[in-house]
Amino acid sequence: MQSSNSRARGGGDGPERSGEHRHSRGPESAEVPGGVRYEDPWYDALASGWGERGTTAAGGTYGAGVPTARREREDRAVAAAQVYLEVQRSAAFQEVRSRYRRFVGPAFVGFFLWYVGYVVTATAAPRFMARPVVGAVNVGLVAGLGQFLTTFLLTWAYARHARLRRDRAALELRWDTQELTRGARGGAL
């Protein structure tokens, strides 16, 4: 048995020694027509029944191509992908994204400037940061605790903004997208 770092586990003389599975041409390392090698010990080339070299498909053809059912699944997946592109171009989606950007952009700039200002001031003006405020509490300590406080305040403000301005519209978009996707996939999930 192989470990995740490709070193053999166990010391027996069985097939788990020194990567014998990796170089065999059994089902563990089956190769399909596209040149992809399956290094999966659970892959059974004989059980799949199509597409492998040297196998005969159910209809008797050598090296049969992709089955019809799989091709239909791929067509439905492409149709579902088109639904997501349409939703992304919709005015409702653009409105949700612009509300998000209008909050996150200024909040990021403000918090980043506050953080960088704190770090620069702590390194460039240590005497200012050492100035006492009350007893042993100095400006640096107050500003450092202010960093934690503003982090919590910003998190609260973001969650509140999301709840009041974006969540309902985003949920409606999600439901509409799921309904459209179900329709594009023919009712299947």
N, C-alpha and C. Protein backbone atom coordinates (compact mmCIF):
# COMPACT_ATOMS: atom_id res chain seq x y z
N MET A 1 0.85 -1.17 0.00
CA MET A 1 0.00 0.00 0.00
C MET A 1 0.90 1.23 0.00
N GLN A 2 0.60 2.22 -0.77
CA GLN A 2 1.39 3.44 -0.87
C GLN A 2 0.87 4.48 0.10
N SER A 3 1.79 5.21 0.73
CA SER A 3 1.38 6.34 1.56
C SER A 3 1.25 7.57 0.68
N SER A 4 0.79 8.65 1.26
CA SER A 4 0.56 9.86 0.47
C SER A 4 1.85 10.48 -0.02
N ASN A 5 3.00 10.16 0.57
CA ASN A 5 4.25 10.73 0.11
C ASN A 5 5.01 9.79 -0.81
N SER A 6 4.35 8.78 -1.35
CA SER A 6 4.85 7.80 -2.31
C SER A 6 5.91 6.88 -1.74
N ARG A 7 6.04 6.79 -0.43
CA ARG A 7 6.95 5.85 0.17
C ARG A 7 6.16 4.61 0.57
N ALA A 8 6.76 3.49 0.40
CA ALA A 8 6.08 2.24 0.72
C ALA A 8 5.89 2.13 2.22
N ARG A 9 4.73 1.62 2.63
CA ARG A 9 4.46 1.35 4.03
C ARG A 9 4.60 -0.15 4.24
N GLY A 10 5.03 -0.51 5.40
CA GLY A 10 5.15 -1.93 5.71
C GLY A 10 6.47 -2.47 5.17
N GLY A 11 6.89 -3.59 5.67
CA GLY A 11 8.18 -4.13 5.24
C GLY A 11 8.04 -5.47 4.57
N GLY A 12 6.84 -5.89 4.22
CA GLY A 12 6.64 -7.21 3.64
C GLY A 12 7.09 -7.28 2.20
N ASP A 13 7.03 -8.47 1.66
CA ASP A 13 7.42 -8.69 0.27
C ASP A 13 6.22 -8.61 -0.66
N GLY A 14 5.12 -8.14 -0.17
CA GLY A 14 3.90 -8.05 -0.97
C GLY A 14 3.94 -6.90 -1.95
N PRO A 15 2.82 -6.61 -2.58
CA PRO A 15 2.77 -5.57 -3.60
C PRO A 15 2.94 -4.16 -3.05
N GLU A 16 3.03 -4.01 -1.70
CA GLU A 16 3.18 -2.67 -1.17
C GLU A 16 4.63 -2.22 -1.13
N ARG A 17 5.52 -2.97 -1.72
CA ARG A 17 6.93 -2.61 -1.68
C ARG A 17 7.30 -1.70 -2.84
N SER A 18 8.01 -0.66 -2.53
CA SER A 18 8.73 0.25 -3.44
C SER A 18 7.99 0.64 -4.70
N GLY A 19 6.74 0.83 -4.66
CA GLY A 19 6.00 1.40 -5.78
C GLY A 19 5.80 0.46 -6.95
N GLU A 20 5.66 -0.84 -6.69
CA GLU A 20 5.45 -1.77 -7.80
C GLU A 20 4.15 -1.46 -8.54
N HIS A 21 3.15 -0.95 -7.83
CA HIS A 21 1.87 -0.63 -8.47
C HIS A 21 2.02 0.47 -9.49
N ARG A 22 2.91 1.40 -9.25
CA ARG A 22 3.01 2.58 -10.10
C ARG A 22 3.47 2.23 -11.50
N HIS A 23 4.27 1.18 -11.65
CA HIS A 23 4.86 0.89 -12.95
C HIS A 23 4.18 -0.28 -13.65
N SER A 24 3.20 -0.88 -13.02
CA SER A 24 2.49 -1.97 -13.67
C SER A 24 1.48 -1.42 -14.65
N ARG A 25 0.99 -2.22 -15.53
CA ARG A 25 0.01 -1.80 -16.52
C ARG A 25 -1.36 -2.41 -16.21
N GLY A 26 -1.61 -2.68 -14.96
CA GLY A 26 -2.90 -3.21 -14.54
C GLY A 26 -3.92 -2.11 -14.40
N PRO A 27 -5.05 -2.41 -13.80
CA PRO A 27 -6.11 -1.41 -13.64
C PRO A 27 -5.68 -0.22 -12.79
N GLU A 28 -4.62 -0.37 -11.97
CA GLU A 28 -4.19 0.76 -11.15
C GLU A 28 -3.64 1.89 -12.01
N SER A 29 -3.10 1.59 -13.17
CA SER A 29 -2.49 2.63 -13.99
C SER A 29 -3.03 2.57 -15.42
N ALA A 30 -4.33 2.39 -15.56
CA ALA A 30 -4.94 2.30 -16.88
C ALA A 30 -4.79 3.61 -17.63
N GLU A 31 -4.63 3.52 -18.93
CA GLU A 31 -4.50 4.72 -19.74
C GLU A 31 -5.67 4.80 -20.71
N VAL A 32 -6.28 5.96 -20.80
CA VAL A 32 -7.42 6.15 -21.69
C VAL A 32 -6.95 6.87 -22.94
N PRO A 33 -7.77 6.96 -24.00
CA PRO A 33 -7.33 7.50 -25.28
C PRO A 33 -6.75 8.91 -25.22
N GLY A 34 -7.17 9.75 -24.29
CA GLY A 34 -6.66 11.11 -24.22
C GLY A 34 -5.27 11.19 -23.62
N GLY A 35 -4.66 10.07 -23.27
CA GLY A 35 -3.34 10.06 -22.71
C GLY A 35 -3.33 10.26 -21.20
N VAL A 36 -4.49 10.22 -20.56
CA VAL A 36 -4.57 10.40 -19.12
C VAL A 36 -4.34 9.06 -18.46
N ARG A 37 -3.49 9.06 -17.45
CA ARG A 37 -3.24 7.82 -16.70
C ARG A 37 -3.98 7.89 -15.39
N TYR A 38 -4.66 6.84 -15.07
CA TYR A 38 -5.35 6.75 -13.80
C TYR A 38 -4.45 6.03 -12.81
N GLU A 39 -3.95 6.74 -11.82
CA GLU A 39 -3.11 6.15 -10.79
C GLU A 39 -3.95 5.81 -9.56
N ASP A 40 -5.18 5.42 -9.79
CA ASP A 40 -6.11 5.16 -8.71
C ASP A 40 -6.26 3.66 -8.54
N PRO A 41 -5.97 3.13 -7.35
CA PRO A 41 -6.10 1.68 -7.17
C PRO A 41 -7.54 1.19 -7.25
N TRP A 42 -8.52 2.10 -7.11
CA TRP A 42 -9.91 1.70 -7.17
C TRP A 42 -10.46 1.78 -8.58
N TYR A 43 -9.72 2.32 -9.53
CA TYR A 43 -10.18 2.43 -10.91
C TYR A 43 -10.10 1.06 -11.55
N ASP A 44 -11.20 0.62 -12.12
CA ASP A 44 -11.23 -0.68 -12.77
C ASP A 44 -11.47 -0.47 -14.25
N ALA A 45 -10.43 -0.57 -15.06
CA ALA A 45 -10.51 -0.30 -16.49
C ALA A 45 -11.49 -1.26 -17.17
N LEU A 46 -11.58 -2.48 -16.70
CA LEU A 46 -12.45 -3.43 -17.34
C LEU A 46 -13.92 -3.16 -17.03
N ALA A 47 -14.18 -2.57 -15.87
CA ALA A 47 -15.56 -2.34 -15.48
C ALA A 47 -16.17 -1.14 -16.19
N SER A 48 -15.33 -0.19 -16.64
CA SER A 48 -15.91 1.01 -17.23
C SER A 48 -16.53 0.71 -18.58
N GLY A 49 -15.92 -0.16 -19.38
CA GLY A 49 -16.57 -0.65 -20.59
C GLY A 49 -16.54 0.27 -21.80
N TRP A 50 -15.86 1.39 -21.78
CA TRP A 50 -15.81 2.24 -22.96
C TRP A 50 -14.58 3.11 -22.94
N GLY A 51 -14.08 3.40 -24.08
CA GLY A 51 -13.05 4.40 -24.23
C GLY A 51 -11.63 3.94 -24.04
N GLU A 52 -11.36 2.83 -23.37
CA GLU A 52 -9.99 2.41 -23.16
C GLU A 52 -9.48 1.64 -24.37
N ARG A 53 -8.20 1.74 -24.60
CA ARG A 53 -7.60 0.96 -25.68
C ARG A 53 -7.67 -0.51 -25.34
N GLY A 54 -7.94 -1.31 -26.33
CA GLY A 54 -7.97 -2.74 -26.14
C GLY A 54 -9.24 -3.27 -25.53
N THR A 55 -10.26 -2.47 -25.40
CA THR A 55 -11.53 -2.95 -24.85
C THR A 55 -12.59 -2.87 -25.93
N THR A 56 -13.60 -3.63 -25.75
CA THR A 56 -14.71 -3.63 -26.68
C THR A 56 -15.93 -3.09 -25.97
N ALA A 57 -16.58 -2.12 -26.59
CA ALA A 57 -17.78 -1.53 -25.99
C ALA A 57 -18.95 -2.47 -26.14
N ALA A 58 -20.06 -2.12 -25.50
CA ALA A 58 -21.25 -2.97 -25.51
C ALA A 58 -21.74 -3.22 -26.93
N GLY A 59 -21.60 -2.27 -27.82
CA GLY A 59 -22.07 -2.42 -29.19
C GLY A 59 -21.12 -3.20 -30.07
N GLY A 60 -19.96 -3.61 -29.53
CA GLY A 60 -19.02 -4.40 -30.30
C GLY A 60 -17.97 -3.57 -31.02
N THR A 61 -17.94 -2.28 -30.81
CA THR A 61 -16.93 -1.46 -31.48
C THR A 61 -15.71 -1.34 -30.61
N TYR A 62 -14.57 -1.31 -31.24
CA TYR A 62 -13.29 -1.24 -30.54
C TYR A 62 -13.01 0.20 -30.14
N GLY A 63 -12.71 0.45 -28.84
CA GLY A 63 -12.37 1.79 -28.37
C GLY A 63 -13.49 2.79 -28.59
N ALA A 64 -14.68 2.46 -28.16
CA ALA A 64 -15.84 3.33 -28.39
C ALA A 64 -15.64 4.69 -27.74
N GLY A 65 -16.30 5.69 -28.28
CA GLY A 65 -16.18 7.06 -27.78
C GLY A 65 -17.06 7.30 -26.58
N VAL A 66 -17.34 8.54 -26.34
CA VAL A 66 -18.15 8.95 -25.19
C VAL A 66 -19.58 8.49 -25.39
N PRO A 67 -20.18 7.87 -24.38
CA PRO A 67 -21.57 7.44 -24.52
C PRO A 67 -22.51 8.63 -24.67
N THR A 68 -23.67 8.35 -25.25
CA THR A 68 -24.65 9.39 -25.50
C THR A 68 -25.11 10.05 -24.21
N ALA A 69 -25.32 9.29 -23.17
CA ALA A 69 -25.80 9.86 -21.91
C ALA A 69 -24.80 10.87 -21.36
N ARG A 70 -23.53 10.58 -21.49
CA ARG A 70 -22.53 11.52 -20.99
C ARG A 70 -22.51 12.79 -21.85
N ARG A 71 -22.66 12.64 -23.14
CA ARG A 71 -22.68 13.80 -24.03
C ARG A 71 -23.87 14.70 -23.69
N GLU A 72 -25.02 14.10 -23.39
CA GLU A 72 -26.21 14.87 -23.01
C GLU A 72 -25.98 15.60 -21.69
N ARG A 73 -25.31 14.93 -20.75
CA ARG A 73 -24.98 15.56 -19.47
C ARG A 73 -24.08 16.77 -19.68
N GLU A 74 -23.10 16.64 -20.57
CA GLU A 74 -22.21 17.76 -20.85
C GLU A 74 -22.95 18.91 -21.50
N ASP A 75 -23.91 18.60 -22.39
CA ASP A 75 -24.71 19.66 -23.02
C ASP A 75 -25.55 20.39 -21.98
N ARG A 76 -26.12 19.65 -21.03
CA ARG A 76 -26.90 20.30 -19.97
C ARG A 76 -26.01 21.14 -19.08
N ALA A 77 -24.78 20.68 -18.84
CA ALA A 77 -23.85 21.46 -18.01
C ALA A 77 -23.49 22.77 -18.70
N VAL A 78 -23.32 22.73 -20.02
CA VAL A 78 -23.03 23.96 -20.76
C VAL A 78 -24.22 24.90 -20.68
N ALA A 79 -25.43 24.37 -20.80
CA ALA A 79 -26.63 25.20 -20.69
C ALA A 79 -26.73 25.82 -19.29
N ALA A 80 -26.40 25.05 -18.28
CA ALA A 80 -26.42 25.57 -16.91
C ALA A 80 -25.37 26.66 -16.73
N ALA A 81 -24.22 26.49 -17.36
CA ALA A 81 -23.17 27.53 -17.28
C ALA A 81 -23.65 28.82 -17.93
N GLN A 82 -24.42 28.70 -18.98
CA GLN A 82 -24.96 29.90 -19.63
C GLN A 82 -25.92 30.65 -18.70
N VAL A 83 -26.64 29.91 -17.86
CA VAL A 83 -27.53 30.54 -16.89
C VAL A 83 -26.73 31.43 -15.96
N TYR A 84 -25.59 30.93 -15.47
CA TYR A 84 -24.77 31.72 -14.56
C TYR A 84 -24.23 32.97 -15.24
N LEU A 85 -23.87 32.86 -16.51
CA LEU A 85 -23.39 34.04 -17.23
C LEU A 85 -24.51 35.07 -17.39
N GLU A 86 -25.72 34.60 -17.67
CA GLU A 86 -26.86 35.51 -17.79
C GLU A 86 -27.15 36.21 -16.46
N VAL A 87 -27.09 35.46 -15.37
CA VAL A 87 -27.33 36.04 -14.04
C VAL A 87 -26.25 37.07 -13.73
N GLN A 88 -25.01 36.77 -14.08
CA GLN A 88 -23.93 37.71 -13.81
C GLN A 88 -24.12 39.02 -14.56
N ARG A 89 -24.70 38.97 -15.73
CA ARG A 89 -24.94 40.17 -16.53
C ARG A 89 -26.21 40.91 -16.11
N SER A 90 -27.03 40.32 -15.27
CA SER A 90 -28.31 40.92 -14.91
C SER A 90 -28.13 42.17 -14.04
N ALA A 91 -29.12 43.04 -14.08
CA ALA A 91 -29.07 44.28 -13.30
C ALA A 91 -29.13 43.99 -11.80
N ALA A 92 -29.88 42.98 -11.39
CA ALA A 92 -30.00 42.65 -9.97
C ALA A 92 -28.65 42.20 -9.41
N PHE A 93 -27.92 41.38 -10.15
CA PHE A 93 -26.61 40.92 -9.71
C PHE A 93 -25.64 42.10 -9.63
N GLN A 94 -25.67 42.94 -10.64
CA GLN A 94 -24.78 44.11 -10.66
C GLN A 94 -25.08 45.04 -9.48
N GLU A 95 -26.35 45.16 -9.11
CA GLU A 95 -26.71 46.00 -7.97
C GLU A 95 -26.17 45.42 -6.67
N VAL A 96 -26.28 44.11 -6.49
CA VAL A 96 -25.75 43.47 -5.28
C VAL A 96 -24.23 43.66 -5.23
N ARG A 97 -23.57 43.47 -6.35
CA ARG A 97 -22.10 43.65 -6.38
C ARG A 97 -21.71 45.09 -6.11
N SER A 98 -22.46 46.05 -6.66
CA SER A 98 -22.09 47.45 -6.43
C SER A 98 -22.33 47.84 -4.97
N ARG A 99 -23.37 47.32 -4.33
CA ARG A 99 -23.58 47.59 -2.91
C ARG A 99 -22.43 47.02 -2.09
N TYR A 100 -21.99 45.84 -2.45
CA TYR A 100 -20.85 45.22 -1.78
C TYR A 100 -19.60 46.09 -1.93
N ARG A 101 -19.32 46.49 -3.16
CA ARG A 101 -18.12 47.30 -3.42
C ARG A 101 -18.19 48.66 -2.73
N ARG A 102 -19.37 49.26 -2.70
CA ARG A 102 -19.51 50.58 -2.06
C ARG A 102 -19.22 50.51 -0.56
N PHE A 103 -19.45 49.38 0.06
CA PHE A 103 -19.11 49.26 1.48
C PHE A 103 -17.66 48.81 1.66
N VAL A 104 -17.27 47.75 0.96
CA VAL A 104 -15.97 47.13 1.21
C VAL A 104 -14.81 48.04 0.77
N GLY A 105 -14.95 48.75 -0.32
CA GLY A 105 -13.85 49.61 -0.78
C GLY A 105 -13.45 50.65 0.25
N PRO A 106 -14.37 51.53 0.65
CA PRO A 106 -14.00 52.52 1.66
C PRO A 106 -13.62 51.90 3.01
N ALA A 107 -14.29 50.83 3.41
CA ALA A 107 -13.96 50.20 4.69
C ALA A 107 -12.54 49.65 4.65
N PHE A 108 -12.15 49.03 3.54
CA PHE A 108 -10.80 48.50 3.42
C PHE A 108 -9.77 49.63 3.45
N VAL A 109 -10.01 50.68 2.67
CA VAL A 109 -9.06 51.79 2.62
C VAL A 109 -8.91 52.43 4.00
N GLY A 110 -10.03 52.69 4.68
CA GLY A 110 -9.98 53.30 6.00
C GLY A 110 -9.25 52.44 7.01
N PHE A 111 -9.58 51.14 7.06
CA PHE A 111 -8.94 50.27 8.04
C PHE A 111 -7.47 50.08 7.72
N PHE A 112 -7.13 49.95 6.43
CA PHE A 112 -5.73 49.77 6.04
C PHE A 112 -4.90 50.99 6.42
N LEU A 113 -5.43 52.19 6.15
CA LEU A 113 -4.71 53.41 6.53
C LEU A 113 -4.55 53.51 8.05
N TRP A 114 -5.56 53.14 8.80
CA TRP A 114 -5.49 53.15 10.25
C TRP A 114 -4.43 52.18 10.74
N TYR A 115 -4.38 50.97 10.15
CA TYR A 115 -3.39 49.98 10.55
C TYR A 115 -1.97 50.43 10.19
N VAL A 116 -1.78 50.88 8.95
CA VAL A 116 -0.45 51.33 8.52
C VAL A 116 -0.03 52.56 9.34
N GLY A 117 -0.97 53.46 9.60
CA GLY A 117 -0.65 54.62 10.44
C GLY A 117 -0.18 54.21 11.82
N TYR A 118 -0.82 53.21 12.39
CA TYR A 118 -0.41 52.71 13.71
C TYR A 118 1.00 52.14 13.66
N VAL A 119 1.28 51.29 12.66
CA VAL A 119 2.60 50.66 12.56
C VAL A 119 3.68 51.71 12.29
N VAL A 120 3.43 52.62 11.37
CA VAL A 120 4.42 53.65 11.04
C VAL A 120 4.66 54.55 12.25
N THR A 121 3.62 54.95 12.92
CA THR A 121 3.77 55.80 14.10
C THR A 121 4.53 55.07 15.20
N ALA A 122 4.26 53.79 15.39
CA ALA A 122 4.95 53.01 16.43
C ALA A 122 6.44 52.90 16.14
N THR A 123 6.81 52.83 14.86
CA THR A 123 8.23 52.70 14.53
C THR A 123 8.91 54.04 14.34
N ALA A 124 8.21 55.04 13.82
CA ALA A 124 8.83 56.33 13.52
C ALA A 124 8.77 57.31 14.70
N ALA A 125 7.80 57.18 15.57
CA ALA A 125 7.65 58.11 16.68
C ALA A 125 7.46 57.37 18.00
N PRO A 126 8.48 56.66 18.43
CA PRO A 126 8.33 55.88 19.67
C PRO A 126 8.10 56.76 20.90
N ARG A 127 8.63 57.96 20.89
CA ARG A 127 8.40 58.85 22.05
C ARG A 127 6.94 59.24 22.15
N PHE A 128 6.32 59.50 20.99
CA PHE A 128 4.89 59.83 21.01
C PHE A 128 4.06 58.65 21.52
N MET A 129 4.39 57.46 21.05
CA MET A 129 3.65 56.27 21.48
C MET A 129 3.89 55.96 22.96
N ALA A 130 5.01 56.41 23.51
CA ALA A 130 5.32 56.15 24.91
C ALA A 130 4.72 57.20 25.84
N ARG A 131 4.14 58.23 25.29
CA ARG A 131 3.55 59.29 26.11
C ARG A 131 2.42 58.72 26.97
N PRO A 132 2.46 58.95 28.27
CA PRO A 132 1.42 58.38 29.15
C PRO A 132 0.07 59.07 28.97
N VAL A 133 -0.99 58.25 29.06
CA VAL A 133 -2.35 58.77 28.98
C VAL A 133 -2.94 58.80 30.39
N VAL A 134 -2.99 57.66 31.03
CA VAL A 134 -3.48 57.54 32.41
C VAL A 134 -2.60 56.51 33.11
N GLY A 135 -1.85 56.91 34.08
CA GLY A 135 -1.01 55.98 34.84
C GLY A 135 0.01 55.30 33.92
N ALA A 136 -0.01 53.95 33.92
CA ALA A 136 0.93 53.18 33.09
C ALA A 136 0.43 52.99 31.67
N VAL A 137 -0.75 53.43 31.35
CA VAL A 137 -1.33 53.29 30.01
C VAL A 137 -0.80 54.42 29.13
N ASN A 138 -0.17 54.04 28.02
CA ASN A 138 0.38 55.06 27.11
C ASN A 138 -0.40 55.09 25.80
N VAL A 139 -0.01 56.00 24.90
CA VAL A 139 -0.69 56.18 23.61
C VAL A 139 -0.59 54.91 22.77
N GLY A 140 0.57 54.25 22.80
CA GLY A 140 0.75 53.02 22.02
C GLY A 140 -0.21 51.91 22.44
N LEU A 141 -0.40 51.76 23.73
CA LEU A 141 -1.32 50.75 24.24
C LEU A 141 -2.76 51.07 23.86
N VAL A 142 -3.14 52.33 23.98
CA VAL A 142 -4.49 52.74 23.60
C VAL A 142 -4.72 52.51 22.11
N ALA A 143 -3.72 52.89 21.29
CA ALA A 143 -3.85 52.69 19.84
C ALA A 143 -3.89 51.20 19.49
N GLY A 144 -3.09 50.39 20.17
CA GLY A 144 -3.10 48.94 19.93
C GLY A 144 -4.44 48.31 20.28
N LEU A 145 -4.99 48.71 21.41
CA LEU A 145 -6.32 48.21 21.78
C LEU A 145 -7.38 48.76 20.82
N GLY A 146 -7.14 49.96 20.31
CA GLY A 146 -8.04 50.53 19.30
C GLY A 146 -8.06 49.71 18.02
N GLN A 147 -6.95 49.07 17.70
CA GLN A 147 -6.91 48.19 16.53
C GLN A 147 -7.89 47.03 16.71
N PHE A 148 -7.88 46.43 17.89
CA PHE A 148 -8.82 45.34 18.16
C PHE A 148 -10.26 45.84 18.13
N LEU A 149 -10.49 46.96 18.76
CA LEU A 149 -11.84 47.51 18.81
C LEU A 149 -12.36 47.82 17.40
N THR A 150 -11.54 48.45 16.57
CA THR A 150 -12.00 48.77 15.21
C THR A 150 -12.21 47.51 14.37
N THR A 151 -11.44 46.46 14.63
CA THR A 151 -11.66 45.20 13.92
C THR A 151 -13.05 44.65 14.24
N PHE A 152 -13.41 44.64 15.50
CA PHE A 152 -14.74 44.16 15.89
C PHE A 152 -15.85 45.08 15.36
N LEU A 153 -15.62 46.38 15.42
CA LEU A 153 -16.62 47.32 14.89
C LEU A 153 -16.80 47.16 13.38
N LEU A 154 -15.71 46.99 12.68
CA LEU A 154 -15.81 46.80 11.23
C LEU A 154 -16.53 45.50 10.88
N THR A 155 -16.26 44.45 11.64
CA THR A 155 -16.96 43.18 11.42
C THR A 155 -18.45 43.34 11.67
N TRP A 156 -18.81 44.01 12.74
CA TRP A 156 -20.22 44.25 13.05
C TRP A 156 -20.88 45.08 11.95
N ALA A 157 -20.19 46.14 11.49
CA ALA A 157 -20.74 47.01 10.45
C ALA A 157 -20.92 46.25 9.14
N TYR A 158 -19.96 45.37 8.81
CA TYR A 158 -20.07 44.59 7.58
C TYR A 158 -21.26 43.63 7.66
N ALA A 159 -21.39 42.94 8.77
CA ALA A 159 -22.51 41.99 8.91
C ALA A 159 -23.85 42.72 8.87
N ARG A 160 -23.92 43.88 9.50
CA ARG A 160 -25.16 44.67 9.49
C ARG A 160 -25.48 45.16 8.08
N HIS A 161 -24.48 45.66 7.39
CA HIS A 161 -24.68 46.14 6.01
C HIS A 161 -25.13 44.99 5.11
N ALA A 162 -24.51 43.84 5.26
CA ALA A 162 -24.89 42.68 4.44
C ALA A 162 -26.34 42.28 4.73
N ARG A 163 -26.69 42.24 6.01
CA ARG A 163 -28.04 41.82 6.39
C ARG A 163 -29.10 42.80 5.88
N LEU A 164 -28.83 44.09 5.98
CA LEU A 164 -29.83 45.09 5.61
C LEU A 164 -29.85 45.44 4.12
N ARG A 165 -28.73 45.35 3.45
CA ARG A 165 -28.66 45.86 2.08
C ARG A 165 -28.41 44.83 0.99
N ARG A 166 -27.89 43.63 1.36
CA ARG A 166 -27.52 42.69 0.30
C ARG A 166 -28.12 41.31 0.43
N ASP A 167 -28.31 40.82 1.63
CA ASP A 167 -28.68 39.42 1.82
C ASP A 167 -29.98 39.04 1.14
N ARG A 168 -31.01 39.86 1.26
CA ARG A 168 -32.30 39.52 0.68
C ARG A 168 -32.21 39.45 -0.85
N ALA A 169 -31.56 40.46 -1.46
CA ALA A 169 -31.41 40.47 -2.92
C ALA A 169 -30.54 39.30 -3.38
N ALA A 170 -29.49 39.00 -2.63
CA ALA A 170 -28.62 37.88 -3.00
C ALA A 170 -29.36 36.55 -2.88
N LEU A 171 -30.19 36.40 -1.87
CA LEU A 171 -30.96 35.17 -1.71
C LEU A 171 -31.97 35.00 -2.84
N GLU A 172 -32.62 36.09 -3.23
CA GLU A 172 -33.55 36.01 -4.36
C GLU A 172 -32.81 35.63 -5.64
N LEU A 173 -31.63 36.20 -5.86
CA LEU A 173 -30.82 35.82 -7.02
C LEU A 173 -30.45 34.35 -6.97
N ARG A 174 -30.11 33.89 -5.79
CA ARG A 174 -29.73 32.48 -5.64
C ARG A 174 -30.89 31.56 -6.01
N TRP A 175 -32.08 31.86 -5.50
CA TRP A 175 -33.24 31.02 -5.81
C TRP A 175 -33.57 31.08 -7.30
N ASP A 176 -33.54 32.27 -7.88
CA ASP A 176 -33.81 32.40 -9.31
C ASP A 176 -32.79 31.62 -10.13
N THR A 177 -31.53 31.69 -9.73
CA THR A 177 -30.48 30.98 -10.45
C THR A 177 -30.68 29.48 -10.34
N GLN A 178 -31.03 29.00 -9.17
CA GLN A 178 -31.26 27.56 -9.02
C GLN A 178 -32.44 27.10 -9.87
N GLU A 179 -33.51 27.88 -9.92
CA GLU A 179 -34.65 27.52 -10.75
C GLU A 179 -34.26 27.49 -12.23
N LEU A 180 -33.53 28.50 -12.67
CA LEU A 180 -33.10 28.54 -14.07
C LEU A 180 -32.15 27.40 -14.39
N THR A 181 -31.29 27.06 -13.46
CA THR A 181 -30.35 25.96 -13.66
C THR A 181 -31.08 24.64 -13.74
N ARG A 182 -32.07 24.45 -12.87
CA ARG A 182 -32.87 23.21 -12.94
C ARG A 182 -33.55 23.10 -14.30
N GLY A 183 -34.09 24.22 -14.79
CA GLY A 183 -34.73 24.19 -16.11
C GLY A 183 -33.75 23.88 -17.21
N ALA A 184 -32.53 24.42 -17.12
CA ALA A 184 -31.51 24.16 -18.15
C ALA A 184 -31.02 22.73 -18.12
N ARG A 185 -31.05 22.12 -16.94
CA ARG A 185 -30.59 20.74 -16.82
C ARG A 185 -31.72 19.73 -17.01
N GLY A 186 -32.85 20.21 -17.32
CA GLY A 186 -33.97 19.30 -17.57
C GLY A 186 -34.59 18.77 -16.31
N GLY A 187 -34.59 19.57 -15.23
CA GLY A 187 -35.25 19.17 -14.00
C GLY A 187 -34.38 18.37 -13.08
N ALA A 188 -33.16 18.01 -13.50
CA ALA A 188 -32.27 17.24 -12.64
C ALA A 188 -31.27 18.14 -11.95
N LEU A 189 -30.85 17.75 -10.80
CA LEU A 189 -29.81 18.51 -10.08
C LEU A 189 -28.52 18.01 -10.45
